[in-house]
Amino acid sequence: FEAGEIVEVAVAGRFRACDAVAMLTNRRVILANDRAWDPEIVIIDDVKSLVVEGWAERRSATLRLTDGESAHVFDRINDTDVAESLAHAIRSR
């Protein structure tokens, strides 16, 4: 994190087949997983350009974040309310 950066919404799930966290800060979106020996971290600085799609089934949600160049799928989110809050917060930027 950078000095003065604040996490506004964070959700746990799976990213690229590993346990992960997705965070919206006051500056950007960060996706990070816990892949052994080489965790994958995606930082999206241009939050305003993101297109967010979401799906929920029973007790699990999936979010797809598309930034024009690539799509990032974050799935197996057990807290569907927080997933919805994250999607709404990104869309409202």
C-alpha atoms as a PDB file:
ATOM      1  CA  PHE A   1       0.000   0.000   0.000  1.00  0.00           C
ATOM      2  CA  GLU A   2       0.969   3.576  -0.546  1.00  0.00           C
ATOM      3  CA  ALA A   3       1.071   6.217   2.170  1.00  0.00           C
ATOM      4  CA  GLY A   4      -2.446   7.495   2.823  1.00  0.00           C
ATOM      5  CA  GLU A   5      -4.126   4.612   0.973  1.00  0.00           C
ATOM      6  CA  ILE A   6      -7.256   3.312   2.701  1.00  0.00           C
ATOM      7  CA  VAL A   7      -9.111   0.058   2.021  1.00  0.00           C
ATOM      8  CA  GLU A   8     -12.794   0.891   1.527  1.00  0.00           C
ATOM      9  CA  VAL A   9     -14.172  -2.589   0.729  1.00  0.00           C
ATOM     10  CA  ALA A  10     -12.464  -5.997   0.819  1.00  0.00           C
ATOM     11  CA  VAL A  11     -13.819  -9.418  -0.029  1.00  0.00           C
ATOM     12  CA  ALA A  12     -12.324 -12.927   0.160  1.00  0.00           C
ATOM     13  CA  GLY A  13     -12.750 -15.545  -2.551  1.00  0.00           C
ATOM     14  CA  ARG A  14     -10.765 -17.205  -5.328  1.00  0.00           C
ATOM     15  CA  PHE A  15      -8.684 -15.579  -8.061  1.00  0.00           C
ATOM     16  CA  ARG A  16      -6.968 -17.685 -10.720  1.00  0.00           C
ATOM     17  CA  ALA A  17      -7.789 -20.893  -8.809  1.00  0.00           C
ATOM     18  CA  CYS A  18      -6.226 -19.776  -5.500  1.00  0.00           C
ATOM     19  CA  ASP A  19      -7.560 -18.246  -2.294  1.00  0.00           C
ATOM     20  CA  ALA A  20      -7.501 -14.484  -2.679  1.00  0.00           C
ATOM     21  CA  VAL A  21      -8.658 -11.050  -1.624  1.00  0.00           C
ATOM     22  CA  ALA A  22     -10.112  -8.241  -3.747  1.00  0.00           C
ATOM     23  CA  MET A  23      -9.840  -4.729  -2.358  1.00  0.00           C
ATOM     24  CA  LEU A  24     -11.089  -1.335  -3.395  1.00  0.00           C
ATOM     25  CA  THR A  25      -8.973   1.413  -1.906  1.00  0.00           C
ATOM     26  CA  ASN A  26      -9.396   5.149  -2.144  1.00  0.00           C
ATOM     27  CA  ARG A  27      -6.987   4.968  -5.134  1.00  0.00           C
ATOM     28  CA  ARG A  28      -7.289   1.646  -6.960  1.00  0.00           C
ATOM     29  CA  VAL A  29      -8.452  -1.982  -7.068  1.00  0.00           C
ATOM     30  CA  ILE A  30      -6.076  -4.700  -5.908  1.00  0.00           C
ATOM     31  CA  LEU A  31      -6.570  -8.429  -6.554  1.00  0.00           C
ATOM     32  CA  ALA A  32      -4.104 -10.740  -4.829  1.00  0.00           C
ATOM     33  CA  ASN A  33      -4.006 -14.502  -4.436  1.00  0.00           C
ATOM     34  CA  ASP A  34      -1.901 -16.830  -2.318  1.00  0.00           C
ATOM     35  CA  ARG A  35      -0.419 -19.027  -5.034  1.00  0.00           C
ATOM     36  CA  ALA A  36       2.518 -20.884  -3.497  1.00  0.00           C
ATOM     37  CA  TRP A  37       5.942 -19.375  -4.229  1.00  0.00           C
ATOM     38  CA  ASP A  38       4.544 -16.812  -6.666  1.00  0.00           C
ATOM     39  CA  PRO A  39       1.394 -14.950  -5.578  1.00  0.00           C
ATOM     40  CA  GLU A  40      -0.404 -13.126  -8.353  1.00  0.00           C
ATOM     41  CA  ILE A  41      -1.204  -9.476  -7.761  1.00  0.00           C
ATOM     42  CA  VAL A  42      -3.192  -7.348 -10.177  1.00  0.00           C
ATOM     43  CA  ILE A  43      -3.406  -3.613  -9.598  1.00  0.00           C
ATOM     44  CA  ILE A  44      -5.970  -1.580 -11.512  1.00  0.00           C
ATOM     45  CA  ASP A  45      -5.334   2.134 -11.131  1.00  0.00           C
ATOM     46  CA  ASP A  46      -8.060   3.368 -13.490  1.00  0.00           C
ATOM     47  CA  VAL A  47     -11.094   2.332 -11.427  1.00  0.00           C
ATOM     48  CA  LYS A  48     -13.433   4.583 -13.437  1.00  0.00           C
ATOM     49  CA  SER A  49     -12.833   2.514 -16.584  1.00  0.00           C
ATOM     50  CA  LEU A  50     -13.762  -0.802 -14.940  1.00  0.00           C
ATOM     51  CA  VAL A  51     -16.862  -2.671 -16.011  1.00  0.00           C
ATOM     52  CA  VAL A  52     -18.161  -4.868 -13.197  1.00  0.00           C
ATOM     53  CA  GLU A  53     -20.446  -7.840 -13.776  1.00  0.00           C
ATOM     54  CA  GLY A  54     -21.698 -10.022 -10.952  1.00  0.00           C
ATOM     55  CA  TRP A  55     -23.580 -13.240 -10.404  1.00  0.00           C
ATOM     56  CA  ALA A  56     -24.843 -14.896  -7.237  1.00  0.00           C
ATOM     57  CA  GLU A  57     -26.001 -18.452  -6.684  1.00  0.00           C
ATOM     58  CA  ARG A  58     -27.285 -19.470  -3.273  1.00  0.00           C
ATOM     59  CA  ARG A  59     -24.375 -18.623  -0.963  1.00  0.00           C
ATOM     60  CA  SER A  60     -21.637 -17.810  -3.487  1.00  0.00           C
ATOM     61  CA  ALA A  61     -20.953 -14.891  -5.812  1.00  0.00           C
ATOM     62  CA  THR A  62     -18.681 -14.203  -8.772  1.00  0.00           C
ATOM     63  CA  LEU A  63     -17.419 -10.821  -9.965  1.00  0.00           C
ATOM     64  CA  ARG A  64     -15.847 -10.119 -13.336  1.00  0.00           C
ATOM     65  CA  LEU A  65     -13.842  -6.911 -13.627  1.00  0.00           C
ATOM     66  CA  THR A  66     -13.027  -5.812 -17.163  1.00  0.00           C
ATOM     67  CA  ASP A  67     -10.675  -2.914 -17.751  1.00  0.00           C
ATOM     68  CA  GLY A  68     -10.719  -2.781 -21.547  1.00  0.00           C
ATOM     69  CA  GLU A  69      -7.513  -4.793 -21.884  1.00  0.00           C
ATOM     70  CA  SER A  70      -8.352  -7.856 -19.849  1.00  0.00           C
ATOM     71  CA  ALA A  71     -10.975  -9.481 -17.673  1.00  0.00           C
ATOM     72  CA  HIS A  72     -10.331 -10.639 -14.127  1.00  0.00           C
ATOM     73  CA  VAL A  73     -12.692 -13.203 -12.589  1.00  0.00           C
ATOM     74  CA  PHE A  74     -12.995 -13.319  -8.805  1.00  0.00           C
ATOM     75  CA  ASP A  75     -15.226 -16.183  -7.697  1.00  0.00           C
ATOM     76  CA  ARG A  76     -16.345 -18.344  -4.768  1.00  0.00           C
ATOM     77  CA  ILE A  77     -17.153 -15.262  -2.728  1.00  0.00           C
ATOM     78  CA  ASN A  78     -19.079 -16.591   0.267  1.00  0.00           C
ATOM     79  CA  ASP A  79     -20.314 -13.201   1.495  1.00  0.00           C
ATOM     80  CA  THR A  80     -22.639 -12.160  -1.317  1.00  0.00           C
ATOM     81  CA  ASP A  81     -23.590  -8.922   0.469  1.00  0.00           C
ATOM     82  CA  VAL A  82     -19.963  -7.761   0.533  1.00  0.00           C
ATOM     83  CA  ALA A  83     -19.530  -8.811  -3.111  1.00  0.00           C
ATOM     84  CA  GLU A  84     -22.519  -6.640  -3.990  1.00  0.00           C
ATOM     85  CA  SER A  85     -21.085  -3.756  -1.943  1.00  0.00           C
ATOM     86  CA  LEU A  86     -17.749  -4.030  -3.752  1.00  0.00           C
ATOM     87  CA  ALA A  87     -19.429  -4.046  -7.169  1.00  0.00           C
ATOM     88  CA  HIS A  88     -21.577  -1.048  -6.258  1.00  0.00           C
ATOM     89  CA  ALA A  89     -18.618   0.907  -4.865  1.00  0.00           C
ATOM     90  CA  ILE A  90     -16.554   0.322  -8.029  1.00  0.00           C
ATOM     91  CA  ARG A  91     -19.472   1.286 -10.292  1.00  0.00           C
ATOM     92  CA  SER A  92     -20.079   4.495  -8.355  1.00  0.00           C
ATOM     93  CA  ARG A  93     -16.577   5.847  -9.003  1.00  0.00           C
END
